[in-house]
Amino acid sequence: MPNGPAQPDDDPSQLIAARIQELGDWRGRTLSALRDLIKEADPNVVEEWKWRKASSPGVPVWSHDGAICTGETYKSVVKLTFFKGASLEDPAGLFNASLDGRVRRAIDVREGDELDEQAFVALVRAAVSLNESSSR
């Protein structure tokens, strides 16, 4: 995946797909599954690729009337950071990282973790609803 500023013809969806393929391990499979759940939760979600610079290939971001979450990959975790996570109800307790933040909350998924898919879809839908209500 090329580094540096995004080119005008760089399709964010293709960049995300390339990142998933590039990972080639459990992190790629996990990011792909989470991406599918985000799209299931909101068929109108917009995929973006942000913060691309020489030292970083960039980060997938999903948006709808504002940013919903990022999908970062690290050596031992796939991290989904919800931009307004602190304002979302999380009855299933999916948020397990960045819990002390005033605005953001994150879900760290490690190899072998089982994610409550229904609760995740509901959380994404709640984030979209919050964005929609904030943009009115």
N, C-alpha and C. Protein backbone atom coordinates (compact mmCIF):
# COMPACT_ATOMS: atom_id res chain seq x y z
N MET A 1 0.86 -1.18 0.00
CA MET A 1 0.00 0.00 0.00
C MET A 1 0.90 1.23 0.00
N PRO A 2 0.66 2.15 -0.90
CA PRO A 2 1.54 3.32 -0.99
C PRO A 2 1.36 4.24 0.21
N ASN A 3 2.49 4.81 0.62
CA ASN A 3 2.46 5.82 1.67
C ASN A 3 2.34 7.18 1.01
N GLY A 4 2.24 8.21 1.83
CA GLY A 4 2.17 9.56 1.31
C GLY A 4 0.75 10.02 1.18
N PRO A 5 0.56 11.25 0.73
CA PRO A 5 -0.78 11.81 0.62
C PRO A 5 -1.64 11.00 -0.33
N ALA A 6 -2.91 10.89 0.00
CA ALA A 6 -3.84 10.18 -0.87
C ALA A 6 -3.91 10.88 -2.22
N GLN A 7 -4.00 10.10 -3.24
CA GLN A 7 -4.14 10.63 -4.59
C GLN A 7 -5.62 10.81 -4.89
N PRO A 8 -5.99 11.72 -5.78
CA PRO A 8 -7.39 11.97 -6.08
C PRO A 8 -8.14 10.72 -6.55
N ASP A 9 -7.42 9.78 -7.18
CA ASP A 9 -8.10 8.59 -7.69
C ASP A 9 -8.09 7.44 -6.70
N ASP A 10 -7.53 7.64 -5.50
CA ASP A 10 -7.54 6.59 -4.48
C ASP A 10 -8.95 6.42 -3.94
N ASP A 11 -9.51 5.24 -4.15
CA ASP A 11 -10.84 4.93 -3.65
C ASP A 11 -10.70 4.38 -2.23
N PRO A 12 -11.29 5.05 -1.24
CA PRO A 12 -11.16 4.58 0.14
C PRO A 12 -11.57 3.12 0.33
N SER A 13 -12.63 2.69 -0.33
CA SER A 13 -13.06 1.30 -0.19
C SER A 13 -11.99 0.35 -0.70
N GLN A 14 -11.33 0.73 -1.79
CA GLN A 14 -10.26 -0.11 -2.32
C GLN A 14 -9.04 -0.09 -1.40
N LEU A 15 -8.76 1.05 -0.79
CA LEU A 15 -7.65 1.14 0.16
C LEU A 15 -7.91 0.26 1.38
N ILE A 16 -9.15 0.25 1.84
CA ILE A 16 -9.49 -0.61 2.98
C ILE A 16 -9.36 -2.07 2.60
N ALA A 17 -9.86 -2.44 1.43
CA ALA A 17 -9.75 -3.82 0.96
C ALA A 17 -8.28 -4.22 0.81
N ALA A 18 -7.46 -3.31 0.30
CA ALA A 18 -6.04 -3.60 0.14
C ALA A 18 -5.37 -3.79 1.51
N ARG A 19 -5.76 -2.98 2.48
CA ARG A 19 -5.20 -3.12 3.83
C ARG A 19 -5.58 -4.46 4.43
N ILE A 20 -6.82 -4.87 4.26
CA ILE A 20 -7.27 -6.17 4.77
C ILE A 20 -6.46 -7.29 4.13
N GLN A 21 -6.28 -7.22 2.82
CA GLN A 21 -5.51 -8.24 2.11
C GLN A 21 -4.04 -8.22 2.52
N GLU A 22 -3.50 -7.02 2.68
CA GLU A 22 -2.10 -6.86 3.07
C GLU A 22 -1.82 -7.51 4.43
N LEU A 23 -2.77 -7.40 5.36
CA LEU A 23 -2.57 -7.98 6.69
C LEU A 23 -2.44 -9.49 6.60
N GLY A 24 -3.32 -10.13 5.83
CA GLY A 24 -3.20 -11.55 5.54
C GLY A 24 -3.25 -12.49 6.74
N ASP A 25 -3.78 -12.04 7.85
CA ASP A 25 -3.85 -12.90 9.03
C ASP A 25 -5.17 -12.64 9.76
N TRP A 26 -5.25 -13.03 11.02
CA TRP A 26 -6.48 -12.89 11.80
C TRP A 26 -6.93 -11.42 11.87
N ARG A 27 -5.97 -10.49 11.83
CA ARG A 27 -6.33 -9.06 11.89
C ARG A 27 -7.10 -8.65 10.64
N GLY A 28 -6.66 -9.12 9.50
CA GLY A 28 -7.36 -8.83 8.25
C GLY A 28 -8.75 -9.44 8.24
N ARG A 29 -8.85 -10.69 8.68
CA ARG A 29 -10.17 -11.35 8.74
C ARG A 29 -11.09 -10.62 9.72
N THR A 30 -10.54 -10.18 10.84
CA THR A 30 -11.34 -9.48 11.85
C THR A 30 -11.79 -8.12 11.32
N LEU A 31 -10.87 -7.37 10.73
CA LEU A 31 -11.24 -6.06 10.18
C LEU A 31 -12.28 -6.22 9.08
N SER A 32 -12.15 -7.24 8.26
CA SER A 32 -13.12 -7.50 7.19
C SER A 32 -14.50 -7.81 7.77
N ALA A 33 -14.54 -8.65 8.79
CA ALA A 33 -15.83 -9.01 9.42
C ALA A 33 -16.47 -7.79 10.07
N LEU A 34 -15.67 -6.96 10.74
CA LEU A 34 -16.20 -5.75 11.37
C LEU A 34 -16.70 -4.77 10.32
N ARG A 35 -15.98 -4.66 9.23
CA ARG A 35 -16.40 -3.81 8.12
C ARG A 35 -17.75 -4.27 7.59
N ASP A 36 -17.91 -5.58 7.42
CA ASP A 36 -19.19 -6.12 6.95
C ASP A 36 -20.32 -5.79 7.92
N LEU A 37 -20.06 -5.90 9.22
CA LEU A 37 -21.08 -5.58 10.22
C LEU A 37 -21.44 -4.10 10.20
N ILE A 38 -20.45 -3.24 10.00
CA ILE A 38 -20.72 -1.80 9.92
C ILE A 38 -21.62 -1.53 8.72
N LYS A 39 -21.33 -2.16 7.59
CA LYS A 39 -22.15 -1.97 6.39
C LYS A 39 -23.55 -2.56 6.57
N GLU A 40 -23.65 -3.65 7.32
CA GLU A 40 -24.97 -4.22 7.63
C GLU A 40 -25.77 -3.25 8.50
N ALA A 41 -25.09 -2.67 9.48
CA ALA A 41 -25.76 -1.75 10.40
C ALA A 41 -26.23 -0.49 9.68
N ASP A 42 -25.44 -0.04 8.72
CA ASP A 42 -25.77 1.18 7.98
C ASP A 42 -25.37 1.03 6.52
N PRO A 43 -26.31 0.60 5.68
CA PRO A 43 -26.00 0.43 4.26
C PRO A 43 -25.56 1.73 3.58
N ASN A 44 -25.83 2.88 4.19
CA ASN A 44 -25.44 4.16 3.61
C ASN A 44 -24.14 4.71 4.19
N VAL A 45 -23.42 3.88 4.92
CA VAL A 45 -22.17 4.32 5.52
C VAL A 45 -21.19 4.72 4.42
N VAL A 46 -20.38 5.72 4.73
CA VAL A 46 -19.36 6.18 3.80
C VAL A 46 -18.01 5.71 4.32
N GLU A 47 -17.24 5.07 3.45
CA GLU A 47 -15.90 4.63 3.83
C GLU A 47 -14.91 5.72 3.42
N GLU A 48 -14.01 6.02 4.35
CA GLU A 48 -13.00 7.04 4.12
C GLU A 48 -11.64 6.47 4.51
N TRP A 49 -10.60 7.13 4.04
CA TRP A 49 -9.22 6.77 4.38
C TRP A 49 -8.53 8.06 4.82
N LYS A 50 -8.17 8.14 6.11
CA LYS A 50 -7.67 9.40 6.65
C LYS A 50 -6.30 9.25 7.29
N TRP A 51 -5.69 10.40 7.52
CA TRP A 51 -4.44 10.53 8.26
C TRP A 51 -3.30 9.76 7.59
N ARG A 52 -3.26 9.86 6.29
CA ARG A 52 -2.22 9.19 5.51
C ARG A 52 -1.02 10.13 5.38
N LYS A 53 0.14 9.64 5.79
CA LYS A 53 1.37 10.43 5.68
C LYS A 53 2.55 9.47 5.52
N ALA A 54 3.72 10.01 5.40
CA ALA A 54 4.90 9.18 5.13
C ALA A 54 5.11 8.11 6.19
N SER A 55 4.81 8.41 7.45
CA SER A 55 5.05 7.45 8.53
C SER A 55 3.88 6.51 8.76
N SER A 56 2.77 6.71 8.07
CA SER A 56 1.57 5.89 8.28
C SER A 56 0.82 5.73 6.97
N PRO A 57 0.38 4.51 6.68
CA PRO A 57 -0.38 4.32 5.45
C PRO A 57 -1.79 4.91 5.52
N GLY A 58 -2.26 5.22 6.71
CA GLY A 58 -3.60 5.78 6.89
C GLY A 58 -4.48 4.87 7.70
N VAL A 59 -5.69 5.32 7.92
CA VAL A 59 -6.64 4.61 8.79
C VAL A 59 -8.01 4.59 8.13
N PRO A 60 -8.65 3.41 8.10
CA PRO A 60 -10.04 3.36 7.64
C PRO A 60 -10.95 4.09 8.61
N VAL A 61 -11.90 4.85 8.06
CA VAL A 61 -12.88 5.57 8.86
C VAL A 61 -14.24 5.36 8.22
N TRP A 62 -15.24 5.09 9.05
CA TRP A 62 -16.61 4.94 8.56
C TRP A 62 -17.42 6.12 9.08
N SER A 63 -18.19 6.74 8.18
CA SER A 63 -18.93 7.95 8.51
C SER A 63 -20.37 7.90 8.01
N HIS A 64 -21.20 8.67 8.67
CA HIS A 64 -22.59 8.94 8.24
C HIS A 64 -23.02 10.17 9.02
N ASP A 65 -23.14 11.29 8.33
CA ASP A 65 -23.42 12.58 8.98
C ASP A 65 -22.39 12.88 10.05
N GLY A 66 -21.16 12.51 9.79
CA GLY A 66 -20.06 12.66 10.73
C GLY A 66 -19.39 11.32 10.93
N ALA A 67 -18.21 11.35 11.49
CA ALA A 67 -17.44 10.11 11.69
C ALA A 67 -18.12 9.22 12.72
N ILE A 68 -18.13 7.92 12.43
CA ILE A 68 -18.66 6.91 13.35
C ILE A 68 -17.50 6.29 14.12
N CYS A 69 -16.58 5.65 13.36
CA CYS A 69 -15.47 4.98 14.01
C CYS A 69 -14.30 4.79 13.05
N THR A 70 -13.15 4.51 13.64
CA THR A 70 -11.96 4.14 12.88
C THR A 70 -11.74 2.64 13.03
N GLY A 71 -10.93 2.08 12.16
CA GLY A 71 -10.57 0.66 12.25
C GLY A 71 -9.06 0.53 12.15
N GLU A 72 -8.40 0.58 13.27
CA GLU A 72 -6.94 0.51 13.30
C GLU A 72 -6.48 -0.91 13.59
N THR A 73 -5.33 -1.27 13.05
CA THR A 73 -4.78 -2.60 13.31
C THR A 73 -3.39 -2.46 13.91
N TYR A 74 -3.17 -3.22 14.94
CA TYR A 74 -1.88 -3.27 15.63
C TYR A 74 -1.44 -4.72 15.70
N LYS A 75 -0.28 -4.96 16.26
CA LYS A 75 0.27 -6.32 16.30
C LYS A 75 -0.67 -7.31 16.99
N SER A 76 -1.27 -6.88 18.11
CA SER A 76 -2.07 -7.83 18.89
C SER A 76 -3.54 -7.45 19.01
N VAL A 77 -3.98 -6.42 18.26
CA VAL A 77 -5.36 -5.98 18.43
C VAL A 77 -5.86 -5.28 17.17
N VAL A 78 -7.15 -5.44 16.92
CA VAL A 78 -7.86 -4.60 15.96
C VAL A 78 -8.70 -3.66 16.82
N LYS A 79 -8.49 -2.37 16.64
CA LYS A 79 -9.13 -1.37 17.50
C LYS A 79 -10.14 -0.56 16.70
N LEU A 80 -11.37 -0.56 17.18
CA LEU A 80 -12.41 0.30 16.61
C LEU A 80 -12.68 1.41 17.61
N THR A 81 -12.33 2.63 17.22
CA THR A 81 -12.53 3.78 18.09
C THR A 81 -13.75 4.55 17.62
N PHE A 82 -14.74 4.64 18.48
CA PHE A 82 -15.96 5.38 18.19
C PHE A 82 -15.77 6.82 18.63
N PHE A 83 -15.95 7.74 17.68
CA PHE A 83 -15.66 9.15 17.92
C PHE A 83 -16.50 9.73 19.06
N LYS A 84 -17.77 9.32 19.18
CA LYS A 84 -18.65 9.83 20.23
C LYS A 84 -19.08 8.69 21.16
N GLY A 85 -18.18 7.75 21.36
CA GLY A 85 -18.50 6.55 22.14
C GLY A 85 -18.98 6.81 23.55
N ALA A 86 -18.44 7.85 24.20
CA ALA A 86 -18.84 8.15 25.58
C ALA A 86 -20.30 8.56 25.67
N SER A 87 -20.89 8.96 24.56
CA SER A 87 -22.30 9.38 24.54
C SER A 87 -23.24 8.24 24.14
N LEU A 88 -22.70 7.07 23.91
CA LEU A 88 -23.53 5.94 23.46
C LEU A 88 -23.82 4.98 24.60
N GLU A 89 -25.04 4.46 24.60
CA GLU A 89 -25.39 3.38 25.53
C GLU A 89 -24.66 2.13 25.05
N ASP A 90 -24.11 1.37 25.97
CA ASP A 90 -23.38 0.14 25.64
C ASP A 90 -23.80 -0.97 26.61
N PRO A 91 -25.07 -1.40 26.52
CA PRO A 91 -25.56 -2.39 27.49
C PRO A 91 -24.82 -3.73 27.43
N ALA A 92 -24.24 -4.07 26.29
CA ALA A 92 -23.51 -5.33 26.16
C ALA A 92 -22.06 -5.23 26.64
N GLY A 93 -21.62 -4.01 26.95
CA GLY A 93 -20.26 -3.81 27.44
C GLY A 93 -19.19 -4.09 26.39
N LEU A 94 -19.46 -3.69 25.16
CA LEU A 94 -18.48 -3.91 24.09
C LEU A 94 -17.25 -3.02 24.24
N PHE A 95 -17.46 -1.80 24.72
CA PHE A 95 -16.32 -0.89 24.89
C PHE A 95 -15.41 -1.45 25.98
N ASN A 96 -14.14 -1.67 25.62
CA ASN A 96 -13.19 -2.23 26.57
C ASN A 96 -11.85 -1.49 26.55
N ALA A 97 -11.82 -0.34 25.87
CA ALA A 97 -10.58 0.44 25.79
C ALA A 97 -10.94 1.92 25.71
N SER A 98 -10.00 2.74 26.06
CA SER A 98 -10.19 4.20 26.06
C SER A 98 -11.41 4.59 26.91
N LEU A 99 -11.60 3.89 28.00
CA LEU A 99 -12.77 4.10 28.84
C LEU A 99 -12.69 5.37 29.67
N ASP A 100 -11.50 5.92 29.81
CA ASP A 100 -11.36 7.14 30.61
C ASP A 100 -11.45 8.40 29.76
N GLY A 101 -11.64 8.24 28.45
CA GLY A 101 -11.76 9.40 27.57
C GLY A 101 -13.08 10.12 27.79
N ARG A 102 -13.08 11.40 27.53
CA ARG A 102 -14.30 12.20 27.73
C ARG A 102 -15.26 12.06 26.56
N VAL A 103 -14.76 11.70 25.39
CA VAL A 103 -15.60 11.65 24.20
C VAL A 103 -15.54 10.27 23.53
N ARG A 104 -14.36 9.78 23.29
CA ARG A 104 -14.19 8.53 22.54
C ARG A 104 -14.25 7.31 23.44
N ARG A 105 -14.61 6.19 22.82
CA ARG A 105 -14.54 4.87 23.44
C ARG A 105 -14.07 3.91 22.35
N ALA A 106 -13.43 2.82 22.75
CA ALA A 106 -12.91 1.89 21.76
C ALA A 106 -13.26 0.45 22.13
N ILE A 107 -13.24 -0.37 21.10
CA ILE A 107 -13.38 -1.81 21.24
C ILE A 107 -12.08 -2.42 20.72
N ASP A 108 -11.36 -3.10 21.60
CA ASP A 108 -10.16 -3.83 21.19
C ASP A 108 -10.55 -5.29 20.98
N VAL A 109 -10.30 -5.79 19.79
CA VAL A 109 -10.58 -7.19 19.47
C VAL A 109 -9.25 -7.90 19.29
N ARG A 110 -9.05 -8.92 20.10
CA ARG A 110 -7.81 -9.71 20.04
C ARG A 110 -8.09 -11.03 19.33
N GLU A 111 -7.04 -11.65 18.87
CA GLU A 111 -7.17 -12.92 18.18
C GLU A 111 -7.96 -13.91 19.05
N GLY A 112 -8.98 -14.51 18.45
CA GLY A 112 -9.79 -15.50 19.16
C GLY A 112 -10.98 -14.91 19.91
N ASP A 113 -11.06 -13.58 20.04
CA ASP A 113 -12.19 -12.96 20.73
C ASP A 113 -13.48 -13.21 19.96
N GLU A 114 -14.55 -13.41 20.70
CA GLU A 114 -15.89 -13.51 20.12
C GLU A 114 -16.60 -12.19 20.39
N LEU A 115 -17.06 -11.53 19.35
CA LEU A 115 -17.76 -10.26 19.48
C LEU A 115 -19.25 -10.50 19.34
N ASP A 116 -20.03 -9.91 20.22
CA ASP A 116 -21.49 -9.99 20.11
C ASP A 116 -21.91 -9.16 18.90
N GLU A 117 -22.15 -9.83 17.78
CA GLU A 117 -22.41 -9.15 16.51
C GLU A 117 -23.68 -8.31 16.57
N GLN A 118 -24.74 -8.81 17.19
CA GLN A 118 -25.99 -8.04 17.30
C GLN A 118 -25.77 -6.77 18.09
N ALA A 119 -25.04 -6.87 19.19
CA ALA A 119 -24.76 -5.70 20.02
C ALA A 119 -23.88 -4.71 19.26
N PHE A 120 -22.94 -5.21 18.46
CA PHE A 120 -22.08 -4.33 17.68
C PHE A 120 -22.90 -3.58 16.62
N VAL A 121 -23.77 -4.28 15.92
CA VAL A 121 -24.63 -3.64 14.91
C VAL A 121 -25.48 -2.57 15.59
N ALA A 122 -26.03 -2.88 16.75
CA ALA A 122 -26.86 -1.91 17.49
C ALA A 122 -26.03 -0.69 17.89
N LEU A 123 -24.78 -0.91 18.29
CA LEU A 123 -23.91 0.19 18.68
C LEU A 123 -23.60 1.11 17.48
N VAL A 124 -23.33 0.51 16.33
CA VAL A 124 -23.08 1.31 15.13
C VAL A 124 -24.34 2.11 14.77
N ARG A 125 -25.49 1.47 14.85
CA ARG A 125 -26.74 2.18 14.54
C ARG A 125 -26.97 3.32 15.52
N ALA A 126 -26.64 3.12 16.77
CA ALA A 126 -26.79 4.19 17.76
C ALA A 126 -25.84 5.35 17.45
N ALA A 127 -24.63 5.03 17.00
CA ALA A 127 -23.67 6.08 16.63
C ALA A 127 -24.18 6.88 15.43
N VAL A 128 -24.78 6.19 14.47
CA VAL A 128 -25.35 6.88 13.30
C VAL A 128 -26.49 7.78 13.75
N SER A 129 -27.36 7.27 14.60
CA SER A 129 -28.50 8.07 15.10
C SER A 129 -28.01 9.32 15.83
N LEU A 130 -26.97 9.15 16.64
CA LEU A 130 -26.40 10.29 17.36
C LEU A 130 -25.86 11.33 16.37
N ASN A 131 -25.16 10.87 15.34
CA ASN A 131 -24.65 11.79 14.32
C ASN A 131 -25.79 12.50 13.61
N GLU A 132 -26.82 11.76 13.27
CA GLU A 132 -27.96 12.36 12.57
C GLU A 132 -28.65 13.42 13.44
N SER A 133 -28.82 13.12 14.72
CA SER A 133 -29.47 14.08 15.60
C SER A 133 -28.59 15.31 15.83
N SER A 134 -27.28 15.12 15.81
CA SER A 134 -26.37 16.25 16.01
C SER A 134 -26.29 17.15 14.78
N SER A 135 -26.58 16.58 13.60
CA SER A 135 -26.44 17.37 12.38
C SER A 135 -27.71 18.15 12.03
N ARG A 136 -28.76 17.93 12.80
CA ARG A 136 -30.03 18.64 12.52
C ARG A 136 -30.00 20.04 13.05
